[in-house]
Amino acid sequence: MLSGMPRFLSVESAAREIRIFHPTIVPGLLQTEAYAQAVHELHKPIDE
């Protein structure tokens, strides 16, 4: 997991409401598995 991710998951799991926006892609909580896979594959060579 990325640095900071465990803390984020801890907070998110306790949330009752989440408000989200992303300027370039569909926000993660709304992604299908195929879309999420494609996003990660697109960034894989960049982020190594």
All heavy atoms as atom14 arrays in JSON, in Angstrom:
{
  "sequence": "MLSGMPRFLSVESAAREIRIFHPTIVPGLLQTEAYAQAVHELHKPIDE",
  "atom14_mask": [
    [1, 1, 1, 1, 1, 1, 1, 1, 0, 0, 0, 0, 0, 0],
    [1, 1, 1, 1, 1, 1, 1, 1, 0, 0, 0, 0, 0, 0],
    [1, 1, 1, 1, 1, 1, 0, 0, 0, 0, 0, 0, 0, 0],
    [1, 1, 1, 1, 0, 0, 0, 0, 0, 0, 0, 0, 0, 0],
    [1, 1, 1, 1, 1, 1, 1, 1, 0, 0, 0, 0, 0, 0],
    [1, 1, 1, 1, 1, 1, 1, 0, 0, 0, 0, 0, 0, 0],
    [1, 1, 1, 1, 1, 1, 1, 1, 1, 1, 1, 0, 0, 0],
    [1, 1, 1, 1, 1, 1, 1, 1, 1, 1, 1, 0, 0, 0],
    [1, 1, 1, 1, 1, 1, 1, 1, 0, 0, 0, 0, 0, 0],
    [1, 1, 1, 1, 1, 1, 0, 0, 0, 0, 0, 0, 0, 0],
    [1, 1, 1, 1, 1, 1, 1, 0, 0, 0, 0, 0, 0, 0],
    [1, 1, 1, 1, 1, 1, 1, 1, 1, 0, 0, 0, 0, 0],
    [1, 1, 1, 1, 1, 1, 0, 0, 0, 0, 0, 0, 0, 0],
    [1, 1, 1, 1, 1, 0, 0, 0, 0, 0, 0, 0, 0, 0],
    [1, 1, 1, 1, 1, 0, 0, 0, 0, 0, 0, 0, 0, 0],
    [1, 1, 1, 1, 1, 1, 1, 1, 1, 1, 1, 0, 0, 0],
    [1, 1, 1, 1, 1, 1, 1, 1, 1, 0, 0, 0, 0, 0],
    [1, 1, 1, 1, 1, 1, 1, 1, 0, 0, 0, 0, 0, 0],
    [1, 1, 1, 1, 1, 1, 1, 1, 1, 1, 1, 0, 0, 0],
    [1, 1, 1, 1, 1, 1, 1, 1, 0, 0, 0, 0, 0, 0],
    [1, 1, 1, 1, 1, 1, 1, 1, 1, 1, 1, 0, 0, 0],
    [1, 1, 1, 1, 1, 1, 1, 1, 1, 1, 0, 0, 0, 0],
    [1, 1, 1, 1, 1, 1, 1, 0, 0, 0, 0, 0, 0, 0],
    [1, 1, 1, 1, 1, 1, 1, 0, 0, 0, 0, 0, 0, 0],
    [1, 1, 1, 1, 1, 1, 1, 1, 0, 0, 0, 0, 0, 0],
    [1, 1, 1, 1, 1, 1, 1, 0, 0, 0, 0, 0, 0, 0],
    [1, 1, 1, 1, 1, 1, 1, 0, 0, 0, 0, 0, 0, 0],
    [1, 1, 1, 1, 0, 0, 0, 0, 0, 0, 0, 0, 0, 0],
    [1, 1, 1, 1, 1, 1, 1, 1, 0, 0, 0, 0, 0, 0],
    [1, 1, 1, 1, 1, 1, 1, 1, 0, 0, 0, 0, 0, 0],
    [1, 1, 1, 1, 1, 1, 1, 1, 1, 0, 0, 0, 0, 0],
    [1, 1, 1, 1, 1, 1, 1, 0, 0, 0, 0, 0, 0, 0],
    [1, 1, 1, 1, 1, 1, 1, 1, 1, 0, 0, 0, 0, 0],
    [1, 1, 1, 1, 1, 0, 0, 0, 0, 0, 0, 0, 0, 0],
    [1, 1, 1, 1, 1, 1, 1, 1, 1, 1, 1, 1, 0, 0],
    [1, 1, 1, 1, 1, 0, 0, 0, 0, 0, 0, 0, 0, 0],
    [1, 1, 1, 1, 1, 1, 1, 1, 1, 0, 0, 0, 0, 0],
    [1, 1, 1, 1, 1, 0, 0, 0, 0, 0, 0, 0, 0, 0],
    [1, 1, 1, 1, 1, 1, 1, 0, 0, 0, 0, 0, 0, 0],
    [1, 1, 1, 1, 1, 1, 1, 1, 1, 1, 0, 0, 0, 0],
    [1, 1, 1, 1, 1, 1, 1, 1, 1, 0, 0, 0, 0, 0],
    [1, 1, 1, 1, 1, 1, 1, 1, 0, 0, 0, 0, 0, 0],
    [1, 1, 1, 1, 1, 1, 1, 1, 1, 1, 0, 0, 0, 0],
    [1, 1, 1, 1, 1, 1, 1, 1, 1, 0, 0, 0, 0, 0],
    [1, 1, 1, 1, 1, 1, 1, 0, 0, 0, 0, 0, 0, 0],
    [1, 1, 1, 1, 1, 1, 1, 1, 0, 0, 0, 0, 0, 0],
    [1, 1, 1, 1, 1, 1, 1, 1, 0, 0, 0, 0, 0, 0],
    [1, 1, 1, 1, 1, 1, 1, 1, 1, 0, 0, 0, 0, 0]
  ],
  "atom14_positions": [
    [[0.82, -1.2, 0.0], [0.0, 0.0, 0.0], [0.86, 1.26, 0.0], [1.95, 1.29, 0.54], [-0.95, 0.0, 1.2], [-2.14, -0.94, 1.05], [-3.42, -0.67, 2.29], [-2.63, -1.39, 3.72], [0.0, 0.0, 0.0], [0.0, 0.0, 0.0], [0.0, 0.0, 0.0], [0.0, 0.0, 0.0], [0.0, 0.0, 0.0], [0.0, 0.0, 0.0]],
    [[0.33, 2.31, -0.62], [1.03, 3.58, -0.66], [1.18, 4.17, 0.73], [0.37, 3.88, 1.63], [0.27, 4.57, -1.54], [0.02, 4.18, -2.99], [-0.78, 5.27, -3.69], [1.34, 3.94, -3.71], [0.0, 0.0, 0.0], [0.0, 0.0, 0.0], [0.0, 0.0, 0.0], [0.0, 0.0, 0.0], [0.0, 0.0, 0.0], [0.0, 0.0, 0.0]],
    [[2.17, 5.01, 0.9], [2.34, 5.71, 2.16], [1.1, 6.55, 2.44], [0.63, 7.3, 1.59], [3.58, 6.61, 2.1], [3.7, 7.4, 3.25], [0.0, 0.0, 0.0], [0.0, 0.0, 0.0], [0.0, 0.0, 0.0], [0.0, 0.0, 0.0], [0.0, 0.0, 0.0], [0.0, 0.0, 0.0], [0.0, 0.0, 0.0], [0.0, 0.0, 0.0]],
    [[0.56, 6.43, 3.64], [-0.63, 7.17, 4.01], [-1.93, 6.41, 3.77], [-2.99, 6.81, 4.26], [0.0, 0.0, 0.0], [0.0, 0.0, 0.0], [0.0, 0.0, 0.0], [0.0, 0.0, 0.0], [0.0, 0.0, 0.0], [0.0, 0.0, 0.0], [0.0, 0.0, 0.0], [0.0, 0.0, 0.0], [0.0, 0.0, 0.0], [0.0, 0.0, 0.0]],
    [[-1.86, 5.32, 3.0], [-3.07, 4.58, 2.65], [-3.75, 3.93, 3.86], [-4.98, 4.0, 3.98], [-2.75, 3.53, 1.59], [-3.98, 2.92, 0.94], [-4.89, 4.15, -0.03], [-6.11, 3.11, -0.85], [0.0, 0.0, 0.0], [0.0, 0.0, 0.0], [0.0, 0.0, 0.0], [0.0, 0.0, 0.0], [0.0, 0.0, 0.0], [0.0, 0.0, 0.0]],
    [[-3.01, 3.29, 4.76], [-3.68, 2.69, 5.93], [-4.47, 3.71, 6.75], [-5.6, 3.43, 7.18], [-2.52, 2.1, 6.74], [-1.49, 1.8, 5.71], [-1.57, 2.94, 4.74], [0.0, 0.0, 0.0], [0.0, 0.0, 0.0], [0.0, 0.0, 0.0], [0.0, 0.0, 0.0], [0.0, 0.0, 0.0], [0.0, 0.0, 0.0], [0.0, 0.0, 0.0]],
    [[-3.9, 4.9, 6.94], [-4.63, 5.93, 7.69], [-5.88, 6.36, 6.94], [-6.95, 6.54, 7.52], [-3.72, 7.14, 7.93], [-4.41, 8.22, 8.77], [-3.56, 9.46, 8.88], [-4.25, 10.48, 9.68], [-3.89, 11.75, 9.74], [-2.84, 12.15, 9.07], [-4.57, 12.61, 10.48], [0.0, 0.0, 0.0], [0.0, 0.0, 0.0], [0.0, 0.0, 0.0]],
    [[-5.75, 6.53, 5.63], [-6.9, 6.9, 4.81], [-8.01, 5.85, 4.92], [-9.18, 6.18, 5.1], [-6.48, 7.06, 3.36], [-7.62, 7.06, 2.39], [-8.6, 8.05, 2.45], [-7.72, 6.08, 1.42], [-9.67, 8.05, 1.56], [-8.79, 6.07, 0.54], [-9.76, 7.05, 0.6], [0.0, 0.0, 0.0], [0.0, 0.0, 0.0], [0.0, 0.0, 0.0]],
    [[-7.65, 4.58, 4.83], [-8.65, 3.51, 4.9], [-9.32, 3.47, 6.27], [-10.52, 3.19, 6.37], [-7.98, 2.16, 4.6], [-7.48, 1.97, 3.18], [-6.71, 0.67, 3.06], [-8.64, 2.0, 2.18], [0.0, 0.0, 0.0], [0.0, 0.0, 0.0], [0.0, 0.0, 0.0], [0.0, 0.0, 0.0], [0.0, 0.0, 0.0], [0.0, 0.0, 0.0]],
    [[-8.55, 3.79, 7.31], [-9.12, 3.82, 8.66], [-10.19, 4.9, 8.77], [-11.26, 4.68, 9.34], [-8.0, 4.07, 9.68], [-8.53, 4.15, 10.99], [0.0, 0.0, 0.0], [0.0, 0.0, 0.0], [0.0, 0.0, 0.0], [0.0, 0.0, 0.0], [0.0, 0.0, 0.0], [0.0, 0.0, 0.0], [0.0, 0.0, 0.0], [0.0, 0.0, 0.0]],
    [[-9.9, 6.06, 8.21], [-10.86, 7.16, 8.25], [-12.05, 6.85, 7.35], [-13.21, 7.02, 7.74], [-10.21, 8.49, 7.82], [-11.24, 9.61, 7.81], [-9.06, 8.85, 8.76], [0.0, 0.0, 0.0], [0.0, 0.0, 0.0], [0.0, 0.0, 0.0], [0.0, 0.0, 0.0], [0.0, 0.0, 0.0], [0.0, 0.0, 0.0], [0.0, 0.0, 0.0]],
    [[-11.77, 6.39, 6.14], [-12.85, 6.12, 5.18], [-13.83, 5.07, 5.72], [-15.04, 5.18, 5.53], [-12.27, 5.64, 3.85], [-13.33, 5.44, 2.78], [-12.76, 4.87, 1.5], [-12.28, 3.71, 1.52], [-12.8, 5.58, 0.48], [0.0, 0.0, 0.0], [0.0, 0.0, 0.0], [0.0, 0.0, 0.0], [0.0, 0.0, 0.0], [0.0, 0.0, 0.0]],
    [[-13.3, 4.07, 6.39], [-14.17, 3.0, 6.91], [-15.09, 3.5, 8.01], [-16.12, 2.88, 8.3], [-13.32, 1.84, 7.44], [-12.62, 2.21, 8.61], [0.0, 0.0, 0.0], [0.0, 0.0, 0.0], [0.0, 0.0, 0.0], [0.0, 0.0, 0.0], [0.0, 0.0, 0.0], [0.0, 0.0, 0.0], [0.0, 0.0, 0.0], [0.0, 0.0, 0.0]],
    [[-14.74, 4.62, 8.64], [-15.57, 5.19, 9.7], [-16.51, 6.27, 9.18], [-17.37, 6.76, 9.92], [-14.68, 5.77, 10.8], [0.0, 0.0, 0.0], [0.0, 0.0, 0.0], [0.0, 0.0, 0.0], [0.0, 0.0, 0.0], [0.0, 0.0, 0.0], [0.0, 0.0, 0.0], [0.0, 0.0, 0.0], [0.0, 0.0, 0.0], [0.0, 0.0, 0.0]],
    [[-16.35, 6.65, 7.92], [-17.16, 7.74, 7.37], [-18.6, 7.33, 7.17], [-18.91, 6.19, 6.82], [-16.56, 8.2, 6.05], [0.0, 0.0, 0.0], [0.0, 0.0, 0.0], [0.0, 0.0, 0.0], [0.0, 0.0, 0.0], [0.0, 0.0, 0.0], [0.0, 0.0, 0.0], [0.0, 0.0, 0.0], [0.0, 0.0, 0.0], [0.0, 0.0, 0.0]],
    [[-19.48, 8.28, 7.36], [-20.9, 8.09, 7.08], [-21.28, 8.68, 5.74], [-22.22, 8.25, 5.1], [-21.74, 8.74, 8.19], [-21.6, 8.02, 9.52], [-22.44, 8.67, 10.6], [-22.41, 7.89, 11.83], [-23.01, 8.27, 12.96], [-23.67, 9.41, 13.01], [-22.96, 7.5, 14.02], [0.0, 0.0, 0.0], [0.0, 0.0, 0.0], [0.0, 0.0, 0.0]],
    [[-20.53, 9.7, 5.32], [-20.76, 10.32, 4.02], [-19.42, 10.76, 3.44], [-18.54, 11.23, 4.16], [-21.68, 11.53, 4.14], [-21.94, 12.23, 2.82], [-22.86, 13.43, 2.93], [-23.5, 13.59, 3.99], [-22.95, 14.21, 1.95], [0.0, 0.0, 0.0], [0.0, 0.0, 0.0], [0.0, 0.0, 0.0], [0.0, 0.0, 0.0], [0.0, 0.0, 0.0]],
    [[-19.29, 10.58, 2.13], [-18.08, 10.99, 1.44], [-18.45, 11.82, 0.23], [-19.37, 11.48, -0.53], [-17.24, 9.76, 0.99], [-16.66, 9.06, 2.22], [-16.13, 10.17, 0.04], [-15.82, 7.85, 1.89], [0.0, 0.0, 0.0], [0.0, 0.0, 0.0], [0.0, 0.0, 0.0], [0.0, 0.0, 0.0], [0.0, 0.0, 0.0], [0.0, 0.0, 0.0]],
    [[-17.75, 12.93, 0.04], [-17.96, 13.81, -1.1], [-16.68, 13.79, -1.93], [-15.6, 14.07, -1.39], [-18.32, 15.22, -0.62], [-19.6, 15.23, 0.2], [-19.92, 16.56, 0.81], [-21.15, 16.48, 1.62], [-21.67, 17.49, 2.31], [-21.08, 18.67, 2.3], [-22.78, 17.31, 3.02], [0.0, 0.0, 0.0], [0.0, 0.0, 0.0], [0.0, 0.0, 0.0]],
    [[-16.8, 13.48, -3.21], [-15.6, 13.23, -4.01], [-15.66, 13.9, -5.38], [-16.72, 14.11, -5.95], [-15.36, 11.71, -4.2], [-16.66, 11.0, -4.64], [-14.78, 11.09, -2.96], [-16.49, 9.52, -4.9], [0.0, 0.0, 0.0], [0.0, 0.0, 0.0], [0.0, 0.0, 0.0], [0.0, 0.0, 0.0], [0.0, 0.0, 0.0], [0.0, 0.0, 0.0]],
    [[-14.47, 14.18, -5.87], [-14.28, 14.75, -7.21], [-12.9, 14.35, -7.7], [-11.95, 14.27, -6.91], [-14.38, 16.28, -7.18], [-13.91, 16.94, -8.44], [-14.76, 17.05, -9.54], [-12.61, 17.43, -8.55], [-14.32, 17.63, -10.73], [-12.16, 18.01, -9.74], [-13.03, 18.12, -10.82], [0.0, 0.0, 0.0], [0.0, 0.0, 0.0], [0.0, 0.0, 0.0]],
    [[-12.79, 14.09, -9.0], [-11.48, 13.87, -9.6], [-11.47, 14.57, -10.96], [-12.42, 14.44, -11.73], [-11.19, 12.39, -9.79], [-9.73, 12.09, -9.95], [-9.02, 12.47, -11.08], [-8.83, 11.48, -9.13], [-7.76, 12.1, -10.94], [-7.62, 11.51, -9.76], [0.0, 0.0, 0.0], [0.0, 0.0, 0.0], [0.0, 0.0, 0.0], [0.0, 0.0, 0.0]],
    [[-10.42, 15.34, -11.25], [-10.39, 16.12, -12.49], [-10.12, 15.34, -13.76], [-10.37, 15.85, -14.86], [-9.27, 17.14, -12.22], [-8.34, 16.41, -11.31], [-9.23, 15.6, -10.41], [0.0, 0.0, 0.0], [0.0, 0.0, 0.0], [0.0, 0.0, 0.0], [0.0, 0.0, 0.0], [0.0, 0.0, 0.0], [0.0, 0.0, 0.0], [0.0, 0.0, 0.0]],
    [[-9.59, 14.12, -13.66], [-9.2, 13.42, -14.89], [-9.83, 12.05, -15.08], [-9.89, 11.55, -16.22], [-7.67, 13.24, -14.94], [-7.23, 12.54, -13.77], [-6.96, 14.6, -15.0], [0.0, 0.0, 0.0], [0.0, 0.0, 0.0], [0.0, 0.0, 0.0], [0.0, 0.0, 0.0], [0.0, 0.0, 0.0], [0.0, 0.0, 0.0], [0.0, 0.0, 0.0]],
    [[-10.3, 11.4, -14.02], [-10.89, 10.07, -14.14], [-12.13, 9.96, -13.26], [-12.42, 10.84, -12.45], [-9.9, 8.95, -13.75], [-9.44, 9.13, -12.3], [-8.7, 8.92, -14.71], [-8.56, 8.0, -11.78], [0.0, 0.0, 0.0], [0.0, 0.0, 0.0], [0.0, 0.0, 0.0], [0.0, 0.0, 0.0], [0.0, 0.0, 0.0], [0.0, 0.0, 0.0]],
    [[-12.85, 8.86, -13.41], [-13.97, 8.55, -12.53], [-13.39, 8.27, -11.14], [-12.42, 7.52, -11.01], [-14.75, 7.33, -13.04], [-15.81, 6.89, -12.02], [-15.4, 7.63, -14.39], [0.0, 0.0, 0.0], [0.0, 0.0, 0.0], [0.0, 0.0, 0.0], [0.0, 0.0, 0.0], [0.0, 0.0, 0.0], [0.0, 0.0, 0.0], [0.0, 0.0, 0.0]],
    [[-13.94, 8.86, -10.07], [-13.41, 8.61, -8.72], [-13.37, 7.11, -8.38], [-14.23, 6.34, -8.82], [-14.41, 9.36, -7.83], [-14.93, 10.46, -8.69], [-15.03, 9.85, -10.07], [0.0, 0.0, 0.0], [0.0, 0.0, 0.0], [0.0, 0.0, 0.0], [0.0, 0.0, 0.0], [0.0, 0.0, 0.0], [0.0, 0.0, 0.0], [0.0, 0.0, 0.0]],
    [[-12.36, 6.75, -7.61], [-12.11, 5.34, -7.3], [-13.29, 4.58, -6.75], [-13.53, 3.42, -7.12], [0.0, 0.0, 0.0], [0.0, 0.0, 0.0], [0.0, 0.0, 0.0], [0.0, 0.0, 0.0], [0.0, 0.0, 0.0], [0.0, 0.0, 0.0], [0.0, 0.0, 0.0], [0.0, 0.0, 0.0], [0.0, 0.0, 0.0], [0.0, 0.0, 0.0]],
    [[-14.06, 5.18, -5.82], [-15.2, 4.49, -5.21], [-16.29, 4.15, -6.21], [-17.17, 3.34, -5.91], [-15.79, 5.35, -4.08], [-15.23, 5.17, -2.68], [-15.96, 6.1, -1.71], [-15.33, 3.73, -2.21], [0.0, 0.0, 0.0], [0.0, 0.0, 0.0], [0.0, 0.0, 0.0], [0.0, 0.0, 0.0], [0.0, 0.0, 0.0], [0.0, 0.0, 0.0]],
    [[-16.26, 4.75, -7.38], [-17.3, 4.54, -8.38], [-16.83, 3.7, -9.57], [-17.59, 3.44, -10.49], [-17.82, 5.89, -8.9], [-18.24, 6.92, -7.84], [-18.68, 8.21, -8.51], [-19.34, 6.37, -6.94], [0.0, 0.0, 0.0], [0.0, 0.0, 0.0], [0.0, 0.0, 0.0], [0.0, 0.0, 0.0], [0.0, 0.0, 0.0], [0.0, 0.0, 0.0]],
    [[-15.58, 3.27, -9.54], [-15.01, 2.57, -10.68], [-15.42, 1.1, -10.74], [-15.58, 0.44, -9.72], [-13.48, 2.64, -10.63], [-12.91, 4.03, -10.81], [-11.4, 4.08, -10.65], [-10.74, 3.05, -10.49], [-10.84, 5.28, -10.67], [0.0, 0.0, 0.0], [0.0, 0.0, 0.0], [0.0, 0.0, 0.0], [0.0, 0.0, 0.0], [0.0, 0.0, 0.0]],
    [[-15.59, 0.59, -11.96], [-15.77, -0.84, -12.16], [-14.4, -1.5, -12.03], [-13.36, -0.83, -12.09], [-16.34, -1.16, -13.55], [-15.37, -0.74, -14.54], [-17.66, -0.45, -13.79], [0.0, 0.0, 0.0], [0.0, 0.0, 0.0], [0.0, 0.0, 0.0], [0.0, 0.0, 0.0], [0.0, 0.0, 0.0], [0.0, 0.0, 0.0], [0.0, 0.0, 0.0]],
    [[-14.39, -2.8, -11.9], [-13.11, -3.51, -11.77], [-12.27, -3.36, -13.04], [-11.06, -3.15, -12.98], [-13.33, -4.98, -11.46], [-12.06, -5.74, -11.2], [-12.28, -7.12, -10.61], [-13.44, -7.45, -10.28], [-11.29, -7.88, -10.49], [0.0, 0.0, 0.0], [0.0, 0.0, 0.0], [0.0, 0.0, 0.0], [0.0, 0.0, 0.0], [0.0, 0.0, 0.0]],
    [[-12.93, -3.45, -14.2], [-12.2, -3.34, -15.47], [-11.61, -1.94, -15.64], [-10.48, -1.78, -16.12], [-13.12, -3.67, -16.64], [0.0, 0.0, 0.0], [0.0, 0.0, 0.0], [0.0, 0.0, 0.0], [0.0, 0.0, 0.0], [0.0, 0.0, 0.0], [0.0, 0.0, 0.0], [0.0, 0.0, 0.0], [0.0, 0.0, 0.0], [0.0, 0.0, 0.0]],
    [[-12.37, -0.92, -15.25], [-11.89, 0.46, -15.34], [-10.72, 0.67, -14.4], [-9.69, 1.26, -14.78], [-13.04, 1.41, -15.01], [-12.74, 2.88, -15.19], [-13.15, 3.56, -16.34], [-12.09, 3.62, -14.2], [-12.9, 4.92, -16.51], [-11.84, 4.98, -14.36], [-12.25, 5.62, -15.51], [-12.0, 6.97, -15.65], [0.0, 0.0, 0.0], [0.0, 0.0, 0.0]],
    [[-10.85, 0.2, -13.15], [-9.76, 0.34, -12.17], [-8.5, -0.37, -12.66], [-7.39, 0.14, -12.51], [-10.21, -0.22, -10.82], [0.0, 0.0, 0.0], [0.0, 0.0, 0.0], [0.0, 0.0, 0.0], [0.0, 0.0, 0.0], [0.0, 0.0, 0.0], [0.0, 0.0, 0.0], [0.0, 0.0, 0.0], [0.0, 0.0, 0.0], [0.0, 0.0, 0.0]],
    [[-8.67, -1.56, -13.24], [-7.53, -2.31, -13.77], [-6.85, -1.52, -14.88], [-5.61, -1.41, -14.92], [-8.01, -3.66, -14.31], [-6.9, -4.55, -14.87], [-6.05, -5.19, -13.8], [-6.54, -5.5, -12.72], [-4.78, -5.41, -14.1], [0.0, 0.0, 0.0], [0.0, 0.0, 0.0], [0.0, 0.0, 0.0], [0.0, 0.0, 0.0], [0.0, 0.0, 0.0]],
    [[-7.65, -0.93, -15.76], [-7.1, -0.17, -16.88], [-6.37, 1.08, -16.4], [-5.33, 1.45, -16.95], [-8.22, 0.21, -17.85], [0.0, 0.0, 0.0], [0.0, 0.0, 0.0], [0.0, 0.0, 0.0], [0.0, 0.0, 0.0], [0.0, 0.0, 0.0], [0.0, 0.0, 0.0], [0.0, 0.0, 0.0], [0.0, 0.0, 0.0], [0.0, 0.0, 0.0]],
    [[-6.9, 1.73, -15.36], [-6.23, 2.91, -14.79], [-4.85, 2.53, -14.27], [-3.85, 3.2, -14.54], [-7.08, 3.52, -13.65], [-6.25, 4.55, -12.88], [-8.34, 4.18, -14.2], [0.0, 0.0, 0.0], [0.0, 0.0, 0.0], [0.0, 0.0, 0.0], [0.0, 0.0, 0.0], [0.0, 0.0, 0.0], [0.0, 0.0, 0.0], [0.0, 0.0, 0.0]],
    [[-4.8, 1.44, -13.52], [-3.52, 1.01, -12.94], [-2.53, 0.57, -14.03], [-1.32, 0.83, -13.93], [-3.75, -0.12, -11.94], [-4.23, 0.34, -10.61], [-5.53, 0.7, -10.36], [-3.57, 0.52, -9.43], [-5.66, 1.07, -9.11], [-4.49, 0.98, -8.52], [0.0, 0.0, 0.0], [0.0, 0.0, 0.0], [0.0, 0.0, 0.0], [0.0, 0.0, 0.0]],
    [[-3.03, -0.12, -15.05], [-2.14, -0.56, -16.13], [-1.58, 0.64, -16.9], [-0.43, 0.63, -17.33], [-2.91, -1.49, -17.09], [-3.29, -2.84, -16.49], [-2.08, -3.71, -16.18], [-0.97, -3.43, -16.68], [-2.25, -4.69, -15.41], [0.0, 0.0, 0.0], [0.0, 0.0, 0.0], [0.0, 0.0, 0.0], [0.0, 0.0, 0.0], [0.0, 0.0, 0.0]],
    [[-2.4, 1.68, -17.04], [-1.96, 2.88, -17.74], [-0.8, 3.56, -17.0], [0.14, 4.07, -17.61], [-3.14, 3.85, -17.87], [-2.9, 5.16, -18.61], [-2.56, 4.9, -20.08], [-4.13, 6.06, -18.51], [0.0, 0.0, 0.0], [0.0, 0.0, 0.0], [0.0, 0.0, 0.0], [0.0, 0.0, 0.0], [0.0, 0.0, 0.0], [0.0, 0.0, 0.0]],
    [[-0.88, 3.54, -15.66], [0.13, 4.22, -14.85], [1.3, 3.31, -14.46], [2.3, 3.8, -13.95], [-0.52, 4.76, -13.57], [-1.36, 5.97, -13.81], [-0.89, 7.25, -13.64], [-2.64, 6.11, -14.23], [-1.84, 8.12, -13.93], [-2.91, 7.46, -14.3], [0.0, 0.0, 0.0], [0.0, 0.0, 0.0], [0.0, 0.0, 0.0], [0.0, 0.0, 0.0]],
    [[1.17, 2.03, -14.72], [2.19, 1.07, -14.29], [3.6, 1.4, -14.76], [4.54, 1.43, -13.95], [1.78, -0.34, -14.73], [2.68, -1.45, -14.21], [2.18, -2.82, -14.66], [3.1, -3.92, -14.18], [2.64, -5.26, -14.66], [0.0, 0.0, 0.0], [0.0, 0.0, 0.0], [0.0, 0.0, 0.0], [0.0, 0.0, 0.0], [0.0, 0.0, 0.0]],
    [[3.83, 1.69, -16.05], [5.19, 2.0, -16.48], [5.7, 3.35, -15.98], [6.91, 3.55, -15.87], [5.08, 1.99, -18.02], [3.65, 2.31, -18.29], [2.88, 1.66, -17.18], [0.0, 0.0, 0.0], [0.0, 0.0, 0.0], [0.0, 0.0, 0.0], [0.0, 0.0, 0.0], [0.0, 0.0, 0.0], [0.0, 0.0, 0.0], [0.0, 0.0, 0.0]],
    [[4.79, 4.26, -15.66], [5.2, 5.57, -15.16], [5.62, 5.47, -13.69], [6.66, 5.99, -13.28], [4.05, 6.59, -15.3], [3.54, 6.64, -16.75], [4.5, 7.97, -14.81], [4.58, 7.01, -17.76], [0.0, 0.0, 0.0], [0.0, 0.0, 0.0], [0.0, 0.0, 0.0], [0.0, 0.0, 0.0], [0.0, 0.0, 0.0], [0.0, 0.0, 0.0]],
    [[4.78, 4.8, -12.91], [5.04, 4.68, -11.48], [5.94, 3.5, -11.13], [6.31, 3.32, -9.96], [3.72, 4.54, -10.71], [2.83, 5.76, -10.88], [3.38, 6.87, -10.98], [1.59, 5.6, -10.92], [0.0, 0.0, 0.0], [0.0, 0.0, 0.0], [0.0, 0.0, 0.0], [0.0, 0.0, 0.0], [0.0, 0.0, 0.0], [0.0, 0.0, 0.0]],
    [[6.27, 2.68, -12.15], [7.13, 1.5, -11.96], [6.58, 0.59, -10.87], [7.31, 0.13, -9.99], [8.57, 1.93, -11.66], [9.21, 2.72, -12.79], [10.67, 3.04, -12.53], [11.03, 3.22, -11.35], [11.45, 3.12, -13.5], [0.0, 0.0, 0.0], [0.0, 0.0, 0.0], [0.0, 0.0, 0.0], [0.0, 0.0, 0.0], [0.0, 0.0, 0.0]]
  ]
}
